[in-house]
Amino acid sequence: MNDAHQDAHPSDDVVPVLAEVVRSLVDHPGAVHIAERQRGRNTVLTLKVDPRDVGQVIGRQGRTARALRALLEARGAEEGRSYGLEIRRS
């Protein structure tokens, strides 16, 4: 990893990528918002979507939500960080 990437805020490119993935899944992409909280090397991302889209983001038996969390886990492993994901209604 280069020094410029290490100096950047760790979730600088995680949040836009996650937002783009979620926007592609939902019927109301304008309602997608992601907030983040830092806790040391851990980042908790709170995903807010239109109430009508919550089911699409969670998926059948939680499969979509698990897939999103797996993407964040893989990204965190690359960065030596931990990402958590909370899904809420706007």
C-alpha atoms as a PDB file:
ATOM      1  CA  MET A   1       0.000   0.000   0.000  1.00  0.00           C
ATOM      2  CA  ASN A   2       1.311   3.459  -0.742  1.00  0.00           C
ATOM      3  CA  ASP A   3       1.633   6.177   1.889  1.00  0.00           C
ATOM      4  CA  ALA A   4      -1.077   8.341   0.335  1.00  0.00           C
ATOM      5  CA  HIS A   5      -3.605   5.523   0.693  1.00  0.00           C
ATOM      6  CA  GLN A   6      -2.585   4.866   4.295  1.00  0.00           C
ATOM      7  CA  ASP A   7      -2.979   8.550   5.167  1.00  0.00           C
ATOM      8  CA  ALA A   8      -6.499   8.694   3.729  1.00  0.00           C
ATOM      9  CA  HIS A   9      -9.479   8.091   5.971  1.00  0.00           C
ATOM     10  CA  PRO A  10      -9.953   4.307   5.833  1.00  0.00           C
ATOM     11  CA  SER A  11     -13.566   4.351   4.705  1.00  0.00           C
ATOM     12  CA  ASP A  12     -13.083   7.135   2.128  1.00  0.00           C
ATOM     13  CA  ASP A  13     -13.695   4.716  -0.716  1.00  0.00           C
ATOM     14  CA  VAL A  14     -15.669   2.048   1.181  1.00  0.00           C
ATOM     15  CA  VAL A  15     -18.693   4.284   1.766  1.00  0.00           C
ATOM     16  CA  PRO A  16     -19.166   5.360  -1.885  1.00  0.00           C
ATOM     17  CA  VAL A  17     -18.705   1.793  -3.126  1.00  0.00           C
ATOM     18  CA  LEU A  18     -21.206   0.428  -0.615  1.00  0.00           C
ATOM     19  CA  ALA A  19     -23.647   3.223  -1.463  1.00  0.00           C
ATOM     20  CA  GLU A  20     -23.379   2.449  -5.189  1.00  0.00           C
ATOM     21  CA  VAL A  21     -23.975  -1.267  -4.617  1.00  0.00           C
ATOM     22  CA  VAL A  22     -27.011  -0.579  -2.427  1.00  0.00           C
ATOM     23  CA  ARG A  23     -28.418   2.021  -4.857  1.00  0.00           C
ATOM     24  CA  SER A  24     -28.317  -0.626  -7.584  1.00  0.00           C
ATOM     25  CA  LEU A  25     -30.433  -2.949  -5.401  1.00  0.00           C
ATOM     26  CA  VAL A  26     -33.237  -0.616  -4.308  1.00  0.00           C
ATOM     27  CA  ASP A  27     -36.216   1.078  -5.949  1.00  0.00           C
ATOM     28  CA  HIS A  28     -35.558   4.425  -4.223  1.00  0.00           C
ATOM     29  CA  PRO A  29     -31.809   5.071  -4.643  1.00  0.00           C
ATOM     30  CA  GLY A  30     -32.126   8.711  -3.616  1.00  0.00           C
ATOM     31  CA  ALA A  31     -33.041   7.627  -0.090  1.00  0.00           C
ATOM     32  CA  VAL A  32     -29.787   5.693   0.457  1.00  0.00           C
ATOM     33  CA  HIS A  33     -27.576   7.313   3.108  1.00  0.00           C
ATOM     34  CA  ILE A  34     -24.589   5.931   4.958  1.00  0.00           C
ATOM     35  CA  ALA A  35     -23.248   7.318   8.222  1.00  0.00           C
ATOM     36  CA  GLU A  36     -20.118   6.065   9.911  1.00  0.00           C
ATOM     37  CA  ARG A  37     -18.781   5.911  13.437  1.00  0.00           C
ATOM     38  CA  GLN A  38     -15.138   5.256  14.197  1.00  0.00           C
ATOM     39  CA  ARG A  39     -14.126   3.114  17.139  1.00  0.00           C
ATOM     40  CA  GLY A  40     -10.371   2.702  16.982  1.00  0.00           C
ATOM     41  CA  ARG A  41      -9.660   0.321  14.110  1.00  0.00           C
ATOM     42  CA  ASN A  42     -13.372  -0.487  13.821  1.00  0.00           C
ATOM     43  CA  THR A  43     -15.841   1.401  11.666  1.00  0.00           C
ATOM     44  CA  VAL A  44     -19.587   0.957  12.054  1.00  0.00           C
ATOM     45  CA  LEU A  45     -21.526   1.918   8.923  1.00  0.00           C
ATOM     46  CA  THR A  46     -25.205   2.719   9.369  1.00  0.00           C
ATOM     47  CA  LEU A  47     -27.117   2.230   6.142  1.00  0.00           C
ATOM     48  CA  LYS A  48     -30.443   4.054   5.900  1.00  0.00           C
ATOM     49  CA  VAL A  49     -32.848   3.225   3.085  1.00  0.00           C
ATOM     50  CA  ASP A  50     -36.448   3.987   2.230  1.00  0.00           C
ATOM     51  CA  PRO A  51     -38.716   1.801   4.399  1.00  0.00           C
ATOM     52  CA  ARG A  52     -40.093   0.185   1.235  1.00  0.00           C
ATOM     53  CA  ASP A  53     -36.565  -0.960   0.309  1.00  0.00           C
ATOM     54  CA  VAL A  54     -35.508  -2.573   3.590  1.00  0.00           C
ATOM     55  CA  GLY A  55     -36.586  -6.020   2.408  1.00  0.00           C
ATOM     56  CA  GLN A  56     -34.519  -5.676  -0.763  1.00  0.00           C
ATOM     57  CA  VAL A  57     -31.408  -4.745   1.208  1.00  0.00           C
ATOM     58  CA  ILE A  58     -31.868  -7.558   3.712  1.00  0.00           C
ATOM     59  CA  GLY A  59     -32.863 -10.119   1.079  1.00  0.00           C
ATOM     60  CA  ARG A  60     -34.429 -13.530   1.501  1.00  0.00           C
ATOM     61  CA  GLN A  61     -33.329 -15.022   4.791  1.00  0.00           C
ATOM     62  CA  GLY A  62     -30.814 -12.160   5.118  1.00  0.00           C
ATOM     63  CA  ARG A  63     -28.699 -13.250   2.156  1.00  0.00           C
ATOM     64  CA  THR A  64     -28.196  -9.789   0.677  1.00  0.00           C
ATOM     65  CA  ALA A  65     -27.282  -8.273   4.036  1.00  0.00           C
ATOM     66  CA  ARG A  66     -24.797 -11.119   4.625  1.00  0.00           C
ATOM     67  CA  ALA A  67     -23.282 -10.519   1.191  1.00  0.00           C
ATOM     68  CA  LEU A  68     -22.861  -6.801   1.925  1.00  0.00           C
ATOM     69  CA  ARG A  69     -21.224  -7.628   5.249  1.00  0.00           C
ATOM     70  CA  ALA A  70     -18.929 -10.132   3.514  1.00  0.00           C
ATOM     71  CA  LEU A  71     -17.804  -7.417   1.093  1.00  0.00           C
ATOM     72  CA  LEU A  72     -17.031  -5.137   4.029  1.00  0.00           C
ATOM     73  CA  GLU A  73     -15.206  -7.939   5.820  1.00  0.00           C
ATOM     74  CA  ALA A  74     -13.030  -8.590   2.760  1.00  0.00           C
ATOM     75  CA  ARG A  75     -12.251  -4.902   2.422  1.00  0.00           C
ATOM     76  CA  GLY A  76     -11.449  -4.656   6.115  1.00  0.00           C
ATOM     77  CA  ALA A  77      -9.064  -7.603   5.850  1.00  0.00           C
ATOM     78  CA  GLU A  78      -7.162  -5.734   3.122  1.00  0.00           C
ATOM     79  CA  GLU A  79      -6.895  -2.670   5.341  1.00  0.00           C
ATOM     80  CA  GLY A  80      -6.375  -4.375   8.701  1.00  0.00           C
ATOM     81  CA  ARG A  81      -9.670  -2.902   9.902  1.00  0.00           C
ATOM     82  CA  SER A  82     -13.082  -4.133  10.892  1.00  0.00           C
ATOM     83  CA  TYR A  83     -16.319  -2.856   9.360  1.00  0.00           C
ATOM     84  CA  GLY A  84     -19.754  -3.395  10.842  1.00  0.00           C
ATOM     85  CA  LEU A  85     -23.040  -2.751   9.047  1.00  0.00           C
ATOM     86  CA  GLU A  86     -26.349  -1.677  10.563  1.00  0.00           C
ATOM     87  CA  ILE A  87     -29.414  -1.401   8.318  1.00  0.00           C
ATOM     88  CA  ARG A  88     -32.118   1.108   9.232  1.00  0.00           C
ATOM     89  CA  ARG A  89     -35.162   2.719   7.676  1.00  0.00           C
ATOM     90  CA  SER A  90     -34.858   6.374   6.705  1.00  0.00           C
END
